[in-house]
Amino acid sequence: MGIKGFQGTSLLDFPGRIASLVFLGRCNLTCPFCHNPPLVTDPDRLPDLEPKILLAELESRAGFIDGVVFSGGEPTLESTLPELAAGVKALGLAVKLDTNGLAPAMLERLLDQNLLDYLAIDLKTSLARYPELHDHPVPTDALLCSVRLARAAPAELEFRTTCVPGWVDEEVVREWGEVIGGAPLWTIQQFHPEYALAEEMRSQEALPVGEVRQLAAAAGEYVQKVMIRGL
Protein backbone atom coordinates (compact mmCIF):
# COMPACT_ATOMS: atom_id res chain seq x y z
CA MET A 1 0.00 0.00 0.00
CA GLY A 2 0.99 3.69 -0.17
CA ILE A 3 3.39 5.69 -2.30
CA LYS A 4 5.98 3.28 -3.66
CA GLY A 5 7.97 5.39 -6.04
CA PHE A 6 8.66 8.87 -7.31
CA GLN A 7 10.30 9.60 -10.62
CA GLY A 8 11.75 12.81 -12.04
CA THR A 9 10.02 14.39 -15.00
CA SER A 10 8.31 13.14 -18.12
CA LEU A 11 6.41 14.69 -21.01
CA LEU A 12 5.13 11.42 -22.48
CA ASP A 13 2.97 10.51 -19.49
CA PHE A 14 1.22 13.89 -19.38
CA PRO A 15 0.88 15.09 -22.98
CA GLY A 16 1.76 18.73 -23.39
CA ARG A 17 3.01 19.09 -19.82
CA ILE A 18 6.21 18.35 -17.93
CA ALA A 19 5.24 16.13 -15.01
CA SER A 20 6.58 14.09 -12.12
CA LEU A 21 5.43 10.46 -11.82
CA VAL A 22 4.17 9.01 -8.55
CA PHE A 23 3.74 5.22 -8.34
CA LEU A 24 1.27 3.64 -5.92
CA GLY A 25 1.37 -0.02 -4.89
CA ARG A 26 -1.19 -2.84 -5.33
CA CYS A 27 -3.48 -3.70 -8.21
CA ASN A 28 -6.84 -5.39 -8.72
CA LEU A 29 -5.49 -7.19 -11.79
CA THR A 30 -2.48 -9.43 -12.39
CA CYS A 31 -2.13 -8.99 -16.14
CA PRO A 32 0.53 -11.38 -17.47
CA PHE A 33 1.85 -8.55 -19.66
CA CYS A 34 2.02 -5.96 -16.83
CA HIS A 35 5.16 -3.81 -17.10
CA ASN A 36 5.40 -2.94 -13.37
CA PRO A 37 5.30 -6.39 -11.68
CA PRO A 38 6.80 -5.46 -8.26
CA LEU A 39 4.02 -2.92 -7.67
CA VAL A 40 1.46 -5.65 -8.33
CA THR A 41 2.86 -8.87 -6.89
CA ASP A 42 4.89 -7.68 -3.90
CA PRO A 43 4.31 -4.01 -3.09
CA ASP A 44 5.08 -4.49 0.59
CA ARG A 45 8.75 -5.12 -0.12
CA LEU A 46 9.01 -1.61 -1.55
CA PRO A 47 9.39 1.18 1.03
CA ASP A 48 6.61 3.71 1.48
CA LEU A 49 7.19 7.40 0.86
CA GLU A 50 5.45 9.67 3.34
CA PRO A 51 2.87 11.95 1.68
CA LYS A 52 4.28 15.05 3.39
CA ILE A 53 7.75 14.24 2.02
CA LEU A 54 6.33 13.71 -1.44
CA LEU A 55 4.42 17.01 -1.37
CA ALA A 56 7.47 18.86 -0.09
CA GLU A 57 9.53 17.45 -2.97
CA LEU A 58 6.85 18.40 -5.46
CA GLU A 59 6.67 21.90 -4.03
CA SER A 60 10.41 22.25 -4.60
CA ARG A 61 9.85 21.30 -8.26
CA ALA A 62 6.76 23.46 -8.78
CA GLY A 63 8.76 26.05 -10.66
CA PHE A 64 9.65 23.72 -13.50
CA ILE A 65 6.95 21.02 -13.60
CA ASP A 66 3.36 21.49 -14.71
CA GLY A 67 1.77 18.49 -13.08
CA VAL A 68 1.88 15.08 -11.44
CA VAL A 69 0.91 11.66 -12.78
CA PHE A 70 -0.49 9.09 -10.36
CA SER A 71 0.19 5.63 -11.73
CA GLY A 72 0.82 2.14 -10.41
CA GLY A 73 -0.09 -0.61 -9.80
CA GLU A 74 -3.62 0.73 -9.63
CA PRO A 75 -3.72 4.14 -7.90
CA THR A 76 -7.50 4.13 -7.34
CA LEU A 77 -7.02 1.42 -4.68
CA GLU A 78 -5.24 3.93 -2.45
CA SER A 79 -7.84 5.36 -0.05
CA THR A 80 -5.83 8.56 0.45
CA LEU A 81 -5.62 9.34 -3.27
CA PRO A 82 -8.12 12.24 -3.07
CA GLU A 83 -6.07 13.85 -0.29
CA LEU A 84 -2.85 13.35 -2.27
CA ALA A 85 -4.43 14.82 -5.40
CA ALA A 86 -5.82 17.77 -3.42
CA GLY A 87 -2.34 18.40 -2.01
CA VAL A 88 -0.91 18.46 -5.51
CA LYS A 89 -3.63 20.82 -6.75
CA ALA A 90 -2.95 23.12 -3.80
CA LEU A 91 0.59 23.52 -5.16
CA GLY A 92 -0.86 24.86 -8.40
CA LEU A 93 -0.02 21.66 -10.30
CA ALA A 94 -2.23 19.67 -12.64
CA VAL A 95 -3.13 16.04 -11.87
CA LYS A 96 -3.22 13.10 -14.27
CA LEU A 97 -4.54 9.66 -13.31
CA ASP A 98 -3.59 6.39 -15.01
CA THR A 99 -6.21 3.74 -14.21
CA ASN A 100 -7.61 0.42 -15.33
CA GLY A 101 -11.10 1.76 -14.63
CA LEU A 102 -12.18 -0.98 -12.23
CA ALA A 103 -12.85 1.35 -9.27
CA PRO A 104 -15.54 3.74 -10.53
CA ALA A 105 -16.52 4.90 -7.03
CA MET A 106 -13.06 6.34 -6.43
CA LEU A 107 -12.98 7.79 -9.93
CA GLU A 108 -16.35 9.48 -9.39
CA ARG A 109 -15.11 10.90 -6.09
CA LEU A 110 -12.03 12.39 -7.74
CA LEU A 111 -14.08 13.85 -10.59
CA ASP A 112 -16.76 15.26 -8.30
CA GLN A 113 -14.07 17.09 -6.33
CA ASN A 114 -12.48 18.44 -9.54
CA LEU A 115 -9.17 16.80 -8.68
CA LEU A 116 -8.34 15.47 -12.14
CA ASP A 117 -7.14 17.48 -15.11
CA TYR A 118 -6.27 14.49 -17.29
CA LEU A 119 -7.55 10.92 -17.19
CA ALA A 120 -6.11 7.89 -18.99
CA ILE A 121 -8.07 4.61 -18.94
CA ASP A 122 -6.57 1.35 -20.15
CA LEU A 123 -8.63 -0.91 -22.41
CA LYS A 124 -6.62 -4.10 -22.12
CA THR A 125 -8.43 -6.75 -24.15
CA SER A 126 -11.91 -7.95 -25.02
CA LEU A 127 -14.35 -7.56 -22.13
CA ALA A 128 -15.01 -11.29 -22.35
CA ARG A 129 -11.35 -11.99 -21.56
CA TYR A 130 -10.96 -9.65 -18.58
CA PRO A 131 -11.56 -12.56 -16.13
CA GLU A 132 -8.29 -14.04 -17.45
CA LEU A 133 -6.41 -11.00 -16.14
CA HIS A 134 -6.80 -11.94 -12.48
CA ASP A 135 -7.26 -14.88 -10.12
CA HIS A 136 -10.39 -13.26 -8.65
CA PRO A 137 -13.59 -12.15 -10.40
CA VAL A 138 -13.16 -9.02 -12.50
CA PRO A 139 -16.16 -6.62 -12.53
CA THR A 140 -16.27 -5.60 -16.17
CA ASP A 141 -19.45 -3.63 -15.47
CA ALA A 142 -17.29 -1.41 -13.26
CA LEU A 143 -15.01 -0.66 -16.21
CA LEU A 144 -17.97 0.28 -18.38
CA CYS A 145 -19.21 2.54 -15.58
CA SER A 146 -15.82 4.28 -15.47
CA VAL A 147 -15.91 4.76 -19.23
CA ARG A 148 -19.30 6.46 -18.92
CA LEU A 149 -18.08 8.67 -16.05
CA ALA A 150 -14.98 9.64 -18.03
CA ARG A 151 -16.96 10.53 -21.14
CA ALA A 152 -19.10 12.96 -19.12
CA ALA A 153 -16.22 14.49 -17.13
CA PRO A 154 -14.57 17.87 -17.78
CA ALA A 155 -11.07 16.36 -17.50
CA GLU A 156 -9.04 15.71 -20.64
CA LEU A 157 -9.55 12.07 -21.59
CA GLU A 158 -7.38 9.43 -23.20
CA PHE A 159 -8.11 5.75 -23.72
CA ARG A 160 -5.08 3.48 -24.12
CA THR A 161 -4.61 0.03 -25.58
CA THR A 162 -1.32 -1.86 -25.62
CA CYS A 163 -0.99 -4.19 -28.60
CA VAL A 164 -0.17 -7.38 -26.72
CA PRO A 165 0.02 -10.37 -29.09
CA GLY A 166 -2.72 -12.86 -28.34
CA TRP A 167 -4.70 -10.30 -26.35
CA VAL A 168 -5.33 -7.44 -28.77
CA ASP A 169 -6.27 -7.72 -32.43
CA GLU A 170 -8.53 -5.81 -34.82
CA GLU A 171 -11.64 -7.50 -33.42
CA VAL A 172 -10.76 -6.23 -29.93
CA VAL A 173 -10.10 -2.74 -31.25
CA ARG A 174 -13.44 -2.65 -33.03
CA GLU A 175 -15.27 -3.99 -29.98
CA TRP A 176 -13.93 -1.14 -27.87
CA GLY A 177 -14.39 1.32 -30.72
CA GLU A 178 -18.13 0.70 -30.56
CA VAL A 179 -18.05 1.45 -26.82
CA ILE A 180 -15.94 4.63 -26.87
CA GLY A 181 -16.99 5.98 -30.26
CA GLY A 182 -16.47 9.74 -30.51
CA ALA A 183 -13.89 9.86 -27.70
CA PRO A 184 -11.24 12.57 -28.07
CA LEU A 185 -8.12 10.37 -28.02
CA TRP A 186 -7.19 6.70 -28.25
CA THR A 187 -3.54 5.83 -27.82
CA ILE A 188 -2.38 2.60 -29.44
CA GLN A 189 0.82 1.43 -27.76
CA GLN A 190 3.48 -1.07 -28.77
CA PHE A 191 4.05 -3.96 -26.37
CA HIS A 192 7.53 -4.25 -24.85
CA PRO A 193 7.92 -7.72 -23.34
CA GLU A 194 11.14 -7.45 -21.35
CA TYR A 195 9.55 -6.52 -18.00
CA ALA A 196 6.31 -8.51 -18.28
CA LEU A 197 4.91 -10.06 -15.13
CA ALA A 198 4.54 -13.56 -16.61
CA GLU A 199 7.81 -15.18 -17.58
CA GLU A 200 6.32 -16.67 -20.74
CA MET A 201 5.35 -13.17 -21.91
CA ARG A 202 8.97 -11.95 -21.71
CA SER A 203 9.90 -14.10 -24.69
CA GLN A 204 6.86 -13.00 -26.69
CA GLU A 205 7.75 -11.01 -29.77
CA ALA A 206 6.04 -7.66 -30.16
CA LEU A 207 3.70 -7.15 -33.09
CA PRO A 208 5.34 -5.94 -36.30
CA VAL A 209 5.18 -2.18 -36.70
CA GLY A 210 2.88 -2.52 -39.68
CA GLU A 211 0.32 -4.46 -37.66
CA VAL A 212 0.36 -1.86 -34.89
CA ARG A 213 -0.28 0.83 -37.48
CA GLN A 214 -3.17 -1.22 -38.88
CA LEU A 215 -4.73 -1.45 -35.43
CA ALA A 216 -4.30 2.30 -35.03
CA ALA A 217 -6.02 2.85 -38.37
CA ALA A 218 -8.95 0.72 -37.24
CA ALA A 219 -9.15 2.68 -33.98
CA GLY A 220 -9.17 5.91 -35.97
CA GLU A 221 -12.51 4.97 -37.49
CA TYR A 222 -14.16 5.45 -34.10
CA VAL A 223 -12.49 8.35 -32.27
CA GLN A 224 -11.47 11.93 -32.96
CA LYS A 225 -7.73 11.29 -32.75
CA VAL A 226 -5.38 8.31 -32.57
CA MET A 227 -1.84 8.44 -31.22
CA ILE A 228 0.72 5.67 -31.71
CA ARG A 229 3.23 5.27 -28.90
CA GLY A 230 6.28 3.10 -28.37
CA LEU A 231 7.32 2.25 -31.92
C-alpha atoms as a PDB file:
ATOM      1  CA  MET A   1       0.000   0.000   0.000  1.00  0.00           C
ATOM      2  CA  GLY A   2       0.995   3.688  -0.166  1.00  0.00           C
ATOM      3  CA  ILE A   3       3.386   5.687  -2.301  1.00  0.00           C
ATOM      4  CA  LYS A   4       5.980   3.279  -3.658  1.00  0.00           C
ATOM      5  CA  GLY A   5       7.970   5.393  -6.044  1.00  0.00           C
ATOM      6  CA  PHE A   6       8.663   8.869  -7.315  1.00  0.00           C
ATOM      7  CA  GLN A   7      10.298   9.603 -10.624  1.00  0.00           C
ATOM      8  CA  GLY A   8      11.747  12.812 -12.043  1.00  0.00           C
ATOM      9  CA  THR A   9      10.017  14.390 -14.998  1.00  0.00           C
ATOM     10  CA  SER A  10       8.311  13.145 -18.115  1.00  0.00           C
ATOM     11  CA  LEU A  11       6.412  14.692 -21.007  1.00  0.00           C
ATOM     12  CA  LEU A  12       5.131  11.424 -22.476  1.00  0.00           C
ATOM     13  CA  ASP A  13       2.974  10.515 -19.489  1.00  0.00           C
ATOM     14  CA  PHE A  14       1.222  13.892 -19.375  1.00  0.00           C
ATOM     15  CA  PRO A  15       0.884  15.085 -22.979  1.00  0.00           C
ATOM     16  CA  GLY A  16       1.762  18.728 -23.393  1.00  0.00           C
ATOM     17  CA  ARG A  17       3.012  19.093 -19.823  1.00  0.00           C
ATOM     18  CA  ILE A  18       6.206  18.352 -17.926  1.00  0.00           C
ATOM     19  CA  ALA A  19       5.241  16.125 -15.008  1.00  0.00           C
ATOM     20  CA  SER A  20       6.583  14.090 -12.124  1.00  0.00           C
ATOM     21  CA  LEU A  21       5.431  10.457 -11.821  1.00  0.00           C
ATOM     22  CA  VAL A  22       4.171   9.005  -8.553  1.00  0.00           C
ATOM     23  CA  PHE A  23       3.744   5.222  -8.341  1.00  0.00           C
ATOM     24  CA  LEU A  24       1.269   3.635  -5.918  1.00  0.00           C
ATOM     25  CA  GLY A  25       1.368  -0.020  -4.894  1.00  0.00           C
ATOM     26  CA  ARG A  26      -1.187  -2.840  -5.326  1.00  0.00           C
ATOM     27  CA  CYS A  27      -3.475  -3.702  -8.212  1.00  0.00           C
ATOM     28  CA  ASN A  28      -6.836  -5.389  -8.716  1.00  0.00           C
ATOM     29  CA  LEU A  29      -5.489  -7.188 -11.791  1.00  0.00           C
ATOM     30  CA  THR A  30      -2.484  -9.431 -12.393  1.00  0.00           C
ATOM     31  CA  CYS A  31      -2.134  -8.987 -16.142  1.00  0.00           C
ATOM     32  CA  PRO A  32       0.530 -11.375 -17.467  1.00  0.00           C
ATOM     33  CA  PHE A  33       1.849  -8.550 -19.662  1.00  0.00           C
ATOM     34  CA  CYS A  34       2.024  -5.961 -16.827  1.00  0.00           C
ATOM     35  CA  HIS A  35       5.155  -3.808 -17.097  1.00  0.00           C
ATOM     36  CA  ASN A  36       5.400  -2.939 -13.369  1.00  0.00           C
ATOM     37  CA  PRO A  37       5.298  -6.387 -11.678  1.00  0.00           C
ATOM     38  CA  PRO A  38       6.802  -5.458  -8.260  1.00  0.00           C
ATOM     39  CA  LEU A  39       4.024  -2.922  -7.666  1.00  0.00           C
ATOM     40  CA  VAL A  40       1.464  -5.655  -8.333  1.00  0.00           C
ATOM     41  CA  THR A  41       2.865  -8.866  -6.888  1.00  0.00           C
ATOM     42  CA  ASP A  42       4.894  -7.679  -3.899  1.00  0.00           C
ATOM     43  CA  PRO A  43       4.314  -4.010  -3.091  1.00  0.00           C
ATOM     44  CA  ASP A  44       5.083  -4.493   0.594  1.00  0.00           C
ATOM     45  CA  ARG A  45       8.753  -5.119  -0.115  1.00  0.00           C
ATOM     46  CA  LEU A  46       9.009  -1.606  -1.546  1.00  0.00           C
ATOM     47  CA  PRO A  47       9.388   1.182   1.031  1.00  0.00           C
ATOM     48  CA  ASP A  48       6.613   3.712   1.477  1.00  0.00           C
ATOM     49  CA  LEU A  49       7.194   7.404   0.860  1.00  0.00           C
ATOM     50  CA  GLU A  50       5.452   9.666   3.344  1.00  0.00           C
ATOM     51  CA  PRO A  51       2.870  11.953   1.684  1.00  0.00           C
ATOM     52  CA  LYS A  52       4.284  15.052   3.394  1.00  0.00           C
ATOM     53  CA  ILE A  53       7.751  14.237   2.019  1.00  0.00           C
ATOM     54  CA  LEU A  54       6.330  13.712  -1.445  1.00  0.00           C
ATOM     55  CA  LEU A  55       4.421  17.007  -1.369  1.00  0.00           C
ATOM     56  CA  ALA A  56       7.471  18.862  -0.086  1.00  0.00           C
ATOM     57  CA  GLU A  57       9.534  17.449  -2.965  1.00  0.00           C
ATOM     58  CA  LEU A  58       6.847  18.397  -5.463  1.00  0.00           C
ATOM     59  CA  GLU A  59       6.668  21.899  -4.027  1.00  0.00           C
ATOM     60  CA  SER A  60      10.410  22.245  -4.601  1.00  0.00           C
ATOM     61  CA  ARG A  61       9.850  21.304  -8.258  1.00  0.00           C
ATOM     62  CA  ALA A  62       6.764  23.455  -8.781  1.00  0.00           C
ATOM     63  CA  GLY A  63       8.756  26.054 -10.659  1.00  0.00           C
ATOM     64  CA  PHE A  64       9.653  23.718 -13.500  1.00  0.00           C
ATOM     65  CA  ILE A  65       6.955  21.025 -13.596  1.00  0.00           C
ATOM     66  CA  ASP A  66       3.357  21.488 -14.708  1.00  0.00           C
ATOM     67  CA  GLY A  67       1.769  18.487 -13.075  1.00  0.00           C
ATOM     68  CA  VAL A  68       1.880  15.083 -11.436  1.00  0.00           C
ATOM     69  CA  VAL A  69       0.907  11.662 -12.784  1.00  0.00           C
ATOM     70  CA  PHE A  70      -0.493   9.093 -10.359  1.00  0.00           C
ATOM     71  CA  SER A  71       0.194   5.625 -11.732  1.00  0.00           C
ATOM     72  CA  GLY A  72       0.822   2.136 -10.407  1.00  0.00           C
ATOM     73  CA  GLY A  73      -0.092  -0.613  -9.805  1.00  0.00           C
ATOM     74  CA  GLU A  74      -3.617   0.732  -9.630  1.00  0.00           C
ATOM     75  CA  PRO A  75      -3.724   4.136  -7.900  1.00  0.00           C
ATOM     76  CA  THR A  76      -7.496   4.135  -7.338  1.00  0.00           C
ATOM     77  CA  LEU A  77      -7.025   1.422  -4.683  1.00  0.00           C
ATOM     78  CA  GLU A  78      -5.237   3.934  -2.445  1.00  0.00           C
ATOM     79  CA  SER A  79      -7.836   5.359  -0.051  1.00  0.00           C
ATOM     80  CA  THR A  80      -5.832   8.565   0.449  1.00  0.00           C
ATOM     81  CA  LEU A  81      -5.619   9.342  -3.271  1.00  0.00           C
ATOM     82  CA  PRO A  82      -8.120  12.237  -3.069  1.00  0.00           C
ATOM     83  CA  GLU A  83      -6.072  13.845  -0.293  1.00  0.00           C
ATOM     84  CA  LEU A  84      -2.855  13.346  -2.270  1.00  0.00           C
ATOM     85  CA  ALA A  85      -4.430  14.823  -5.398  1.00  0.00           C
ATOM     86  CA  ALA A  86      -5.820  17.767  -3.416  1.00  0.00           C
ATOM     87  CA  GLY A  87      -2.344  18.403  -2.011  1.00  0.00           C
ATOM     88  CA  VAL A  88      -0.911  18.463  -5.513  1.00  0.00           C
ATOM     89  CA  LYS A  89      -3.633  20.816  -6.746  1.00  0.00           C
ATOM     90  CA  ALA A  90      -2.946  23.121  -3.796  1.00  0.00           C
ATOM     91  CA  LEU A  91       0.593  23.521  -5.156  1.00  0.00           C
ATOM     92  CA  GLY A  92      -0.859  24.864  -8.401  1.00  0.00           C
ATOM     93  CA  LEU A  93      -0.017  21.664 -10.301  1.00  0.00           C
ATOM     94  CA  ALA A  94      -2.228  19.673 -12.640  1.00  0.00           C
ATOM     95  CA  VAL A  95      -3.131  16.036 -11.868  1.00  0.00           C
ATOM     96  CA  LYS A  96      -3.220  13.105 -14.265  1.00  0.00           C
ATOM     97  CA  LEU A  97      -4.535   9.660 -13.313  1.00  0.00           C
ATOM     98  CA  ASP A  98      -3.590   6.389 -15.012  1.00  0.00           C
ATOM     99  CA  THR A  99      -6.205   3.738 -14.206  1.00  0.00           C
ATOM    100  CA  ASN A 100      -7.612   0.415 -15.333  1.00  0.00           C
ATOM    101  CA  GLY A 101     -11.097   1.755 -14.628  1.00  0.00           C
ATOM    102  CA  LEU A 102     -12.184  -0.982 -12.229  1.00  0.00           C
ATOM    103  CA  ALA A 103     -12.850   1.349  -9.265  1.00  0.00           C
ATOM    104  CA  PRO A 104     -15.538   3.743 -10.528  1.00  0.00           C
ATOM    105  CA  ALA A 105     -16.524   4.898  -7.029  1.00  0.00           C
ATOM    106  CA  MET A 106     -13.062   6.337  -6.434  1.00  0.00           C
ATOM    107  CA  LEU A 107     -12.985   7.786  -9.932  1.00  0.00           C
ATOM    108  CA  GLU A 108     -16.349   9.477  -9.387  1.00  0.00           C
ATOM    109  CA  ARG A 109     -15.107  10.901  -6.094  1.00  0.00           C
ATOM    110  CA  LEU A 110     -12.032  12.394  -7.740  1.00  0.00           C
ATOM    111  CA  LEU A 111     -14.075  13.849 -10.591  1.00  0.00           C
ATOM    112  CA  ASP A 112     -16.763  15.261  -8.295  1.00  0.00           C
ATOM    113  CA  GLN A 113     -14.069  17.087  -6.332  1.00  0.00           C
ATOM    114  CA  ASN A 114     -12.484  18.438  -9.544  1.00  0.00           C
ATOM    115  CA  LEU A 115      -9.172  16.798  -8.675  1.00  0.00           C
ATOM    116  CA  LEU A 116      -8.342  15.467 -12.141  1.00  0.00           C
ATOM    117  CA  ASP A 117      -7.135  17.484 -15.110  1.00  0.00           C
ATOM    118  CA  TYR A 118      -6.270  14.487 -17.286  1.00  0.00           C
ATOM    119  CA  LEU A 119      -7.553  10.920 -17.193  1.00  0.00           C
ATOM    120  CA  ALA A 120      -6.111   7.886 -18.990  1.00  0.00           C
ATOM    121  CA  ILE A 121      -8.069   4.611 -18.937  1.00  0.00           C
ATOM    122  CA  ASP A 122      -6.573   1.347 -20.152  1.00  0.00           C
ATOM    123  CA  LEU A 123      -8.627  -0.914 -22.413  1.00  0.00           C
ATOM    124  CA  LYS A 124      -6.616  -4.097 -22.119  1.00  0.00           C
ATOM    125  CA  THR A 125      -8.425  -6.745 -24.153  1.00  0.00           C
ATOM    126  CA  SER A 126     -11.914  -7.946 -25.019  1.00  0.00           C
ATOM    127  CA  LEU A 127     -14.351  -7.563 -22.132  1.00  0.00           C
ATOM    128  CA  ALA A 128     -15.013 -11.294 -22.345  1.00  0.00           C
ATOM    129  CA  ARG A 129     -11.348 -11.993 -21.557  1.00  0.00           C
ATOM    130  CA  TYR A 130     -10.961  -9.654 -18.579  1.00  0.00           C
ATOM    131  CA  PRO A 131     -11.557 -12.560 -16.130  1.00  0.00           C
ATOM    132  CA  GLU A 132      -8.290 -14.043 -17.454  1.00  0.00           C
ATOM    133  CA  LEU A 133      -6.406 -10.998 -16.138  1.00  0.00           C
ATOM    134  CA  HIS A 134      -6.799 -11.936 -12.476  1.00  0.00           C
ATOM    135  CA  ASP A 135      -7.265 -14.877 -10.124  1.00  0.00           C
ATOM    136  CA  HIS A 136     -10.387 -13.260  -8.652  1.00  0.00           C
ATOM    137  CA  PRO A 137     -13.586 -12.152 -10.399  1.00  0.00           C
ATOM    138  CA  VAL A 138     -13.157  -9.018 -12.505  1.00  0.00           C
ATOM    139  CA  PRO A 139     -16.157  -6.617 -12.526  1.00  0.00           C
ATOM    140  CA  THR A 140     -16.274  -5.599 -16.169  1.00  0.00           C
ATOM    141  CA  ASP A 141     -19.451  -3.629 -15.472  1.00  0.00           C
ATOM    142  CA  ALA A 142     -17.287  -1.405 -13.261  1.00  0.00           C
ATOM    143  CA  LEU A 143     -15.007  -0.661 -16.212  1.00  0.00           C
ATOM    144  CA  LEU A 144     -17.969   0.280 -18.383  1.00  0.00           C
ATOM    145  CA  CYS A 145     -19.213   2.538 -15.576  1.00  0.00           C
ATOM    146  CA  SER A 146     -15.821   4.277 -15.465  1.00  0.00           C
ATOM    147  CA  VAL A 147     -15.915   4.763 -19.227  1.00  0.00           C
ATOM    148  CA  ARG A 148     -19.301   6.465 -18.915  1.00  0.00           C
ATOM    149  CA  LEU A 149     -18.077   8.669 -16.055  1.00  0.00           C
ATOM    150  CA  ALA A 150     -14.985   9.636 -18.027  1.00  0.00           C
ATOM    151  CA  ARG A 151     -16.958  10.529 -21.138  1.00  0.00           C
ATOM    152  CA  ALA A 152     -19.097  12.962 -19.121  1.00  0.00           C
ATOM    153  CA  ALA A 153     -16.218  14.489 -17.133  1.00  0.00           C
ATOM    154  CA  PRO A 154     -14.569  17.870 -17.783  1.00  0.00           C
ATOM    155  CA  ALA A 155     -11.066  16.356 -17.503  1.00  0.00           C
ATOM    156  CA  GLU A 156      -9.036  15.710 -20.642  1.00  0.00           C
ATOM    157  CA  LEU A 157      -9.550  12.075 -21.593  1.00  0.00           C
ATOM    158  CA  GLU A 158      -7.385   9.425 -23.195  1.00  0.00           C
ATOM    159  CA  PHE A 159      -8.108   5.752 -23.724  1.00  0.00           C
ATOM    160  CA  ARG A 160      -5.079   3.482 -24.124  1.00  0.00           C
ATOM    161  CA  THR A 161      -4.610   0.027 -25.585  1.00  0.00           C
ATOM    162  CA  THR A 162      -1.316  -1.857 -25.619  1.00  0.00           C
ATOM    163  CA  CYS A 163      -0.994  -4.190 -28.600  1.00  0.00           C
ATOM    164  CA  VAL A 164      -0.173  -7.383 -26.717  1.00  0.00           C
ATOM    165  CA  PRO A 165       0.022 -10.372 -29.094  1.00  0.00           C
ATOM    166  CA  GLY A 166      -2.722 -12.860 -28.336  1.00  0.00           C
ATOM    167  CA  TRP A 167      -4.702 -10.303 -26.352  1.00  0.00           C
ATOM    168  CA  VAL A 168      -5.332  -7.440 -28.773  1.00  0.00           C
ATOM    169  CA  ASP A 169      -6.273  -7.722 -32.425  1.00  0.00           C
ATOM    170  CA  GLU A 170      -8.527  -5.815 -34.822  1.00  0.00           C
ATOM    171  CA  GLU A 171     -11.637  -7.498 -33.419  1.00  0.00           C
ATOM    172  CA  VAL A 172     -10.763  -6.234 -29.925  1.00  0.00           C
ATOM    173  CA  VAL A 173     -10.096  -2.741 -31.251  1.00  0.00           C
ATOM    174  CA  ARG A 174     -13.438  -2.650 -33.034  1.00  0.00           C
ATOM    175  CA  GLU A 175     -15.273  -3.986 -29.978  1.00  0.00           C
ATOM    176  CA  TRP A 176     -13.927  -1.136 -27.874  1.00  0.00           C
ATOM    177  CA  GLY A 177     -14.390   1.316 -30.717  1.00  0.00           C
ATOM    178  CA  GLU A 178     -18.128   0.696 -30.561  1.00  0.00           C
ATOM    179  CA  VAL A 179     -18.050   1.452 -26.824  1.00  0.00           C
ATOM    180  CA  ILE A 180     -15.941   4.628 -26.869  1.00  0.00           C
ATOM    181  CA  GLY A 181     -16.988   5.981 -30.259  1.00  0.00           C
ATOM    182  CA  GLY A 182     -16.468   9.740 -30.515  1.00  0.00           C
ATOM    183  CA  ALA A 183     -13.887   9.855 -27.702  1.00  0.00           C
ATOM    184  CA  PRO A 184     -11.243  12.571 -28.072  1.00  0.00           C
ATOM    185  CA  LEU A 185      -8.124  10.374 -28.022  1.00  0.00           C
ATOM    186  CA  TRP A 186      -7.195   6.705 -28.245  1.00  0.00           C
ATOM    187  CA  THR A 187      -3.539   5.827 -27.820  1.00  0.00           C
ATOM    188  CA  ILE A 188      -2.376   2.598 -29.439  1.00  0.00           C
ATOM    189  CA  GLN A 189       0.825   1.428 -27.764  1.00  0.00           C
ATOM    190  CA  GLN A 190       3.477  -1.070 -28.768  1.00  0.00           C
ATOM    191  CA  PHE A 191       4.051  -3.964 -26.374  1.00  0.00           C
ATOM    192  CA  HIS A 192       7.527  -4.245 -24.846  1.00  0.00           C
ATOM    193  CA  PRO A 193       7.917  -7.717 -23.336  1.00  0.00           C
ATOM    194  CA  GLU A 194      11.141  -7.446 -21.352  1.00  0.00           C
ATOM    195  CA  TYR A 195       9.551  -6.518 -17.996  1.00  0.00           C
ATOM    196  CA  ALA A 196       6.313  -8.507 -18.277  1.00  0.00           C
ATOM    197  CA  LEU A 197       4.905 -10.056 -15.126  1.00  0.00           C
ATOM    198  CA  ALA A 198       4.538 -13.555 -16.609  1.00  0.00           C
ATOM    199  CA  GLU A 199       7.813 -15.184 -17.581  1.00  0.00           C
ATOM    200  CA  GLU A 200       6.320 -16.665 -20.744  1.00  0.00           C
ATOM    201  CA  MET A 201       5.355 -13.173 -21.912  1.00  0.00           C
ATOM    202  CA  ARG A 202       8.967 -11.951 -21.710  1.00  0.00           C
ATOM    203  CA  SER A 203       9.904 -14.099 -24.691  1.00  0.00           C
ATOM    204  CA  GLN A 204       6.859 -13.001 -26.686  1.00  0.00           C
ATOM    205  CA  GLU A 205       7.746 -11.006 -29.766  1.00  0.00           C
ATOM    206  CA  ALA A 206       6.036  -7.657 -30.161  1.00  0.00           C
ATOM    207  CA  LEU A 207       3.700  -7.155 -33.093  1.00  0.00           C
ATOM    208  CA  PRO A 208       5.340  -5.938 -36.299  1.00  0.00           C
ATOM    209  CA  VAL A 209       5.185  -2.184 -36.695  1.00  0.00           C
ATOM    210  CA  GLY A 210       2.879  -2.519 -39.683  1.00  0.00           C
ATOM    211  CA  GLU A 211       0.321  -4.465 -37.659  1.00  0.00           C
ATOM    212  CA  VAL A 212       0.363  -1.865 -34.889  1.00  0.00           C
ATOM    213  CA  ARG A 213      -0.283   0.830 -37.483  1.00  0.00           C
ATOM    214  CA  GLN A 214      -3.175  -1.216 -38.883  1.00  0.00           C
ATOM    215  CA  LEU A 215      -4.732  -1.449 -35.430  1.00  0.00           C
ATOM    216  CA  ALA A 216      -4.304   2.302 -35.026  1.00  0.00           C
ATOM    217  CA  ALA A 217      -6.016   2.854 -38.366  1.00  0.00           C
ATOM    218  CA  ALA A 218      -8.951   0.719 -37.235  1.00  0.00           C
ATOM    219  CA  ALA A 219      -9.146   2.680 -33.976  1.00  0.00           C
ATOM    220  CA  GLY A 220      -9.167   5.906 -35.970  1.00  0.00           C
ATOM    221  CA  GLU A 221     -12.506   4.968 -37.486  1.00  0.00           C
ATOM    222  CA  TYR A 222     -14.165   5.451 -34.095  1.00  0.00           C
ATOM    223  CA  VAL A 223     -12.493   8.352 -32.270  1.00  0.00           C
ATOM    224  CA  GLN A 224     -11.473  11.926 -32.959  1.00  0.00           C
ATOM    225  CA  LYS A 225      -7.734  11.291 -32.754  1.00  0.00           C
ATOM    226  CA  VAL A 226      -5.380   8.307 -32.565  1.00  0.00           C
ATOM    227  CA  MET A 227      -1.843   8.440 -31.223  1.00  0.00           C
ATOM    228  CA  ILE A 228       0.723   5.671 -31.705  1.00  0.00           C
ATOM    229  CA  ARG A 229       3.228   5.275 -28.896  1.00  0.00           C
ATOM    230  CA  GLY A 230       6.283   3.100 -28.367  1.00  0.00           C
ATOM    231  CA  LEU A 231       7.323   2.248 -31.925  1.00  0.00           C
END
